[in-house]
Amino acid sequence: MPVHDVAARGFGATAEAYEQARPSYAPDAVAWLVENLRITPGGRVCDLAAGTGKLTRLLEPTGASLFAVEPVAGMRTVLHRELPDVPTAAAVAEALPFATSSLDAVTVAQAFHWFDPPASLTELHRVLRPGGRLGLVWNAWDDATPWIDRVHRAVADAGATENWTRGHWSRDWVVEAIDTHGRYSQVTRAQFTNGQPLSREGLIERVATTSHIASASPDVRERTLDAVREILATDAATPDRDVIDFRYVVDAFWCERR
């Protein structure tokens, strides 16, 4: 199964910008994943759809035997540069380059919404050992902050794909997909907060790394970024501030392979 065209074009073209503009993950969320996935020294762990390694590098201190899988060549180039000692493979979630029952845990950060849920869950069930665990996490835009909600909707209105929408609003479908698959334990879910201090242009660069914006025509892309600039210029929470705090709700899940 190929990578979604919008993801392949958007992320491939903006890999360097993605590395610079996207946030890391909150320490308490990472600690929650490490604890609940039982990631320990020597354990075999795959960070799937690793991108430029935003989560991968936070798992390195665990001492686990890490593998990164990333299908987009541009992302993989940055990942290898940033984490040269982590073995990296080009593959998709629905066809993984691992032996059956060979992994203790799999993490997926900011990417499960791009997968085919039934096919990927079946393949993950194959490569996880019995009792192995799957962890999913998203930095979700904090729409409780009015100006972030306005920016979010402006970006969504610029041709958002169904996959992007699934990842950016309610992720209740994640629990439903895993429960429906029937070969995992009940899903445990937790939420955390995260913040990303950005300059105004840094925030524009952050928005520009959105998959459907990065892959859009120049006219659509500039029109959307101009709309975001206008929100920042007129919203009472942001004028005249050199650094803007872009807030996230961190949505995290884990389950166990039966």
Protein backbone atom coordinates (compact mmCIF):
# COMPACT_ATOMS: atom_id res chain seq x y z
CA MET A 1 0.00 0.00 0.00
CA PRO A 2 1.56 3.34 -1.02
CA VAL A 3 1.86 6.39 1.21
CA HIS A 4 -1.05 8.82 0.82
CA ASP A 5 -0.12 11.17 -2.03
CA VAL A 6 -0.68 14.34 0.00
CA ALA A 7 1.49 13.03 2.84
CA ALA A 8 4.23 11.88 0.47
CA ARG A 9 4.37 15.20 -1.41
CA GLY A 10 3.78 17.48 1.56
CA PHE A 11 6.18 15.87 4.01
CA GLY A 12 8.77 15.04 1.39
CA ALA A 13 8.97 18.67 0.29
CA THR A 14 9.12 20.15 3.79
CA ALA A 15 11.25 17.67 5.75
CA GLU A 16 13.83 20.28 6.80
CA ALA A 17 11.11 22.78 7.72
CA TYR A 18 9.25 20.02 9.59
CA GLU A 19 12.34 19.32 11.69
CA GLN A 20 12.69 23.00 12.56
CA ALA A 21 9.04 24.01 12.95
CA ARG A 22 7.30 21.04 14.56
CA PRO A 23 7.20 20.59 18.34
CA SER A 24 8.73 17.84 20.40
CA TYR A 25 6.63 15.80 22.84
CA ALA A 26 5.93 16.66 26.47
CA PRO A 27 8.17 14.79 28.93
CA ASP A 28 5.23 13.51 30.97
CA ALA A 29 3.57 12.10 27.86
CA VAL A 30 6.79 10.35 26.82
CA ALA A 31 7.26 8.97 30.34
CA TRP A 32 3.67 7.65 30.26
CA LEU A 33 4.33 5.86 26.97
CA VAL A 34 7.65 4.42 28.14
CA GLU A 35 6.10 3.12 31.35
CA ASN A 36 2.95 1.67 29.82
CA LEU A 37 4.67 0.17 26.79
CA ARG A 38 7.22 -1.32 29.20
CA ILE A 39 10.14 0.03 27.18
CA THR A 40 13.31 -1.11 28.94
CA PRO A 41 17.01 -1.48 28.07
CA GLY A 42 17.47 -4.04 25.35
CA GLY A 43 13.79 -4.23 24.42
CA ARG A 44 13.08 -4.27 20.69
CA VAL A 45 11.08 -1.14 19.86
CA CYS A 46 9.99 0.28 16.51
CA ASP A 47 9.13 3.95 16.12
CA LEU A 48 6.82 3.71 13.14
CA ALA A 49 6.28 6.59 10.69
CA ALA A 50 9.10 8.23 12.61
CA GLY A 51 9.31 11.34 10.42
CA THR A 52 12.46 13.26 11.32
CA GLY A 53 12.75 11.39 14.62
CA LYS A 54 10.90 13.79 16.94
CA LEU A 55 9.78 10.94 19.20
CA THR A 56 12.59 8.52 18.30
CA ARG A 57 15.24 10.70 19.94
CA LEU A 58 13.20 10.88 23.14
CA LEU A 59 13.15 7.08 23.32
CA GLU A 60 16.93 6.72 22.96
CA PRO A 61 17.65 7.32 26.69
CA THR A 62 15.59 4.21 27.57
CA GLY A 63 18.41 2.01 26.26
CA ALA A 64 15.97 0.05 24.12
CA SER A 65 17.08 -1.48 20.84
CA LEU A 66 15.40 1.08 18.58
CA PHE A 67 14.37 0.76 14.94
CA ALA A 68 12.84 3.62 12.95
CA VAL A 69 10.51 3.07 10.00
CA GLU A 70 9.72 6.03 7.72
CA PRO A 71 8.38 5.71 4.16
CA VAL A 72 9.00 9.28 2.92
CA ALA A 73 12.52 9.70 1.58
CA GLY A 74 12.91 13.37 2.53
CA MET A 75 11.93 12.68 6.12
CA ARG A 76 14.17 9.63 6.25
CA THR A 77 17.17 11.69 5.12
CA VAL A 78 16.75 14.11 8.03
CA LEU A 79 16.06 11.24 10.44
CA HIS A 80 19.28 9.48 9.49
CA ARG A 81 21.25 12.72 9.82
CA GLU A 82 19.84 13.48 13.25
CA LEU A 83 19.99 9.89 14.56
CA PRO A 84 22.75 8.14 12.61
CA ASP A 85 23.00 5.26 15.08
CA VAL A 86 19.33 4.26 14.86
CA PRO A 87 18.67 1.63 12.14
CA THR A 88 16.16 3.05 9.68
CA ALA A 89 13.98 1.34 7.09
CA ALA A 90 11.70 2.53 4.30
CA ALA A 91 8.34 0.82 4.76
CA VAL A 92 4.67 1.45 5.45
CA ALA A 93 2.61 0.34 8.44
CA GLU A 94 0.70 -2.18 6.37
CA ALA A 95 3.87 -4.06 5.30
CA LEU A 96 6.63 -3.97 7.91
CA PRO A 97 10.15 -5.39 7.50
CA PHE A 98 10.12 -7.36 10.76
CA ALA A 99 9.79 -11.04 11.57
CA THR A 100 6.62 -12.30 13.20
CA SER A 101 6.49 -11.70 16.98
CA SER A 102 9.86 -9.91 16.91
CA LEU A 103 9.01 -6.59 18.60
CA ASP A 104 8.28 -5.74 22.22
CA ALA A 105 6.66 -2.40 21.46
CA VAL A 106 5.70 -0.08 18.61
CA THR A 107 5.20 3.67 18.89
CA VAL A 108 3.42 5.87 16.37
CA ALA A 109 3.60 9.65 16.80
CA GLN A 110 1.48 12.04 14.76
CA ALA A 111 0.84 9.47 12.03
CA PHE A 112 -1.74 6.74 12.73
CA HIS A 113 -4.42 8.80 10.96
CA TRP A 114 -2.50 8.23 7.70
CA PHE A 115 -2.70 4.44 8.06
CA ASP A 116 -5.35 1.99 6.91
CA PRO A 117 -6.53 1.03 10.42
CA PRO A 118 -7.61 -2.62 9.85
CA ALA A 119 -4.62 -3.49 7.64
CA SER A 120 -2.05 -1.73 9.82
CA LEU A 121 -3.44 -3.20 13.05
CA THR A 122 -3.26 -6.67 11.50
CA GLU A 123 0.36 -6.11 10.47
CA LEU A 124 1.25 -4.66 13.86
CA HIS A 125 -0.33 -7.71 15.50
CA ARG A 126 1.94 -9.88 13.38
CA VAL A 127 5.20 -8.17 14.30
CA LEU A 128 4.46 -7.61 18.01
CA ARG A 129 5.13 -10.55 20.30
CA PRO A 130 2.23 -11.81 22.44
CA GLY A 131 1.92 -9.25 25.21
CA GLY A 132 3.77 -6.63 23.16
CA ARG A 133 2.31 -3.16 23.27
CA LEU A 134 1.30 -0.43 20.83
CA GLY A 135 1.44 3.26 21.74
CA LEU A 136 -0.05 6.15 19.74
CA VAL A 137 0.38 9.85 20.41
CA TRP A 138 -0.63 13.16 18.84
CA ASN A 139 0.21 16.79 19.54
CA ALA A 140 -3.34 18.05 18.89
CA TRP A 141 -3.98 21.76 18.42
CA ASP A 142 -5.60 23.23 21.53
CA ASP A 143 -8.87 24.58 20.16
CA ALA A 144 -9.89 25.81 23.61
CA THR A 145 -7.58 28.74 22.82
CA PRO A 146 -9.77 30.93 20.55
CA TRP A 147 -7.05 32.17 18.17
CA ILE A 148 -5.66 28.65 17.75
CA ASP A 149 -9.18 27.46 16.91
CA ARG A 150 -9.42 30.19 14.26
CA VAL A 151 -6.07 29.21 12.76
CA HIS A 152 -7.05 25.56 12.85
CA ARG A 153 -10.26 26.19 10.94
CA ALA A 154 -8.52 28.38 8.38
CA VAL A 155 -6.07 25.55 7.71
CA ALA A 156 -8.86 22.98 7.54
CA ASP A 157 -10.77 25.11 5.02
CA ALA A 158 -7.78 25.04 2.66
CA GLY A 159 -8.48 21.55 1.35
CA ALA A 160 -7.83 19.31 4.34
CA THR A 161 -7.81 15.60 3.56
CA GLU A 162 -10.02 13.16 5.45
CA ASN A 163 -6.88 11.66 7.01
CA TRP A 164 -5.68 15.04 8.29
CA THR A 165 -9.13 15.79 9.73
CA ARG A 166 -9.15 12.46 11.60
CA GLY A 167 -5.83 13.31 13.19
CA HIS A 168 -6.71 16.89 14.07
CA TRP A 169 -10.12 16.72 15.68
CA SER A 170 -11.66 14.00 17.86
CA ARG A 171 -9.58 10.82 17.96
CA ASP A 172 -12.37 8.68 19.43
CA TRP A 173 -12.15 6.69 16.19
CA VAL A 174 -8.79 5.32 17.40
CA VAL A 175 -10.43 3.46 20.28
CA GLU A 176 -13.21 2.23 18.00
CA ALA A 177 -10.76 0.97 15.36
CA ILE A 178 -8.69 -0.99 17.89
CA ASP A 179 -11.74 -2.40 19.67
CA THR A 180 -13.30 -3.42 16.34
CA HIS A 181 -10.11 -5.21 15.30
CA GLY A 182 -10.58 -7.48 18.27
CA ARG A 183 -7.02 -8.73 18.75
CA TYR A 184 -5.82 -6.13 21.26
CA SER A 185 -6.63 -5.35 24.86
CA GLN A 186 -8.92 -2.54 25.88
CA VAL A 187 -7.38 0.81 24.95
CA THR A 188 -6.07 3.06 27.73
CA ARG A 189 -6.11 6.77 26.92
CA ALA A 190 -4.54 9.79 28.59
CA GLN A 191 -4.17 13.49 27.83
CA PHE A 192 -1.34 15.89 28.59
CA THR A 193 -0.46 19.43 27.57
CA ASN A 194 2.38 20.76 25.51
CA GLY A 195 3.52 24.20 24.43
CA GLN A 196 5.66 25.51 21.62
CA PRO A 197 6.98 29.08 21.87
CA LEU A 198 7.19 30.51 18.36
CA SER A 199 7.87 33.82 16.68
CA ARG A 200 5.17 35.03 14.33
CA GLU A 201 7.03 33.78 11.28
CA GLY A 202 7.91 30.61 13.17
CA LEU A 203 4.21 29.97 13.62
CA ILE A 204 3.63 30.60 9.91
CA GLU A 205 6.39 28.08 9.13
CA ARG A 206 4.72 25.62 11.52
CA VAL A 207 1.43 25.95 9.64
CA ALA A 208 3.24 25.66 6.29
CA THR A 209 4.44 22.15 7.21
CA THR A 210 0.82 20.92 7.32
CA SER A 211 0.57 18.19 4.69
CA HIS A 212 -2.20 19.62 2.50
CA ILE A 213 -0.77 23.14 2.76
CA ALA A 214 2.74 22.03 1.83
CA SER A 215 1.41 20.08 -1.17
CA ALA A 216 -1.06 22.76 -2.31
CA SER A 217 -0.61 25.12 -5.23
CA PRO A 218 1.41 28.26 -4.47
CA ASP A 219 -1.76 30.38 -4.64
CA VAL A 220 -3.66 28.25 -2.12
CA ARG A 221 -0.66 28.01 0.17
CA GLU A 222 0.00 31.77 0.24
CA ARG A 223 -3.69 32.60 0.60
CA THR A 224 -3.92 30.30 3.63
CA LEU A 225 -0.75 31.63 5.23
CA ASP A 226 -1.96 35.19 4.68
CA ALA A 227 -5.24 34.28 6.42
CA VAL A 228 -3.23 33.01 9.39
CA ARG A 229 -1.16 36.20 9.44
CA GLU A 230 -4.39 38.21 9.52
CA ILE A 231 -5.67 36.20 12.50
CA LEU A 232 -2.42 36.84 14.36
CA ALA A 233 -2.55 40.54 13.52
CA THR A 234 -6.14 41.07 14.70
CA ASP A 235 -6.65 38.64 17.58
CA ALA A 236 -6.48 40.31 21.00
CA ALA A 237 -4.36 37.49 22.39
CA THR A 238 -1.49 37.86 19.93
CA PRO A 239 -0.80 41.45 18.67
CA ASP A 240 2.56 42.96 19.61
CA ARG A 241 3.87 39.75 21.12
CA ASP A 242 7.30 38.68 19.93
CA VAL A 243 6.82 35.09 21.10
CA ILE A 244 3.50 33.28 20.79
CA ASP A 245 2.75 30.14 22.80
CA PHE A 246 1.24 27.57 20.47
CA ARG A 247 -0.62 25.18 22.75
CA TYR A 248 -1.32 21.48 22.24
CA VAL A 249 -3.41 18.82 23.90
CA VAL A 250 -1.34 15.64 23.80
CA ASP A 251 -3.64 12.68 23.11
CA ALA A 252 -2.00 9.34 23.95
CA PHE A 253 -3.17 5.71 23.76
CA TRP A 254 -1.80 2.25 24.46
CA CYS A 255 -3.05 -1.30 24.10
CA GLU A 256 -1.61 -4.81 24.29
CA ARG A 257 -1.37 -7.40 21.57
CA ARG A 258 -3.39 -10.48 22.52
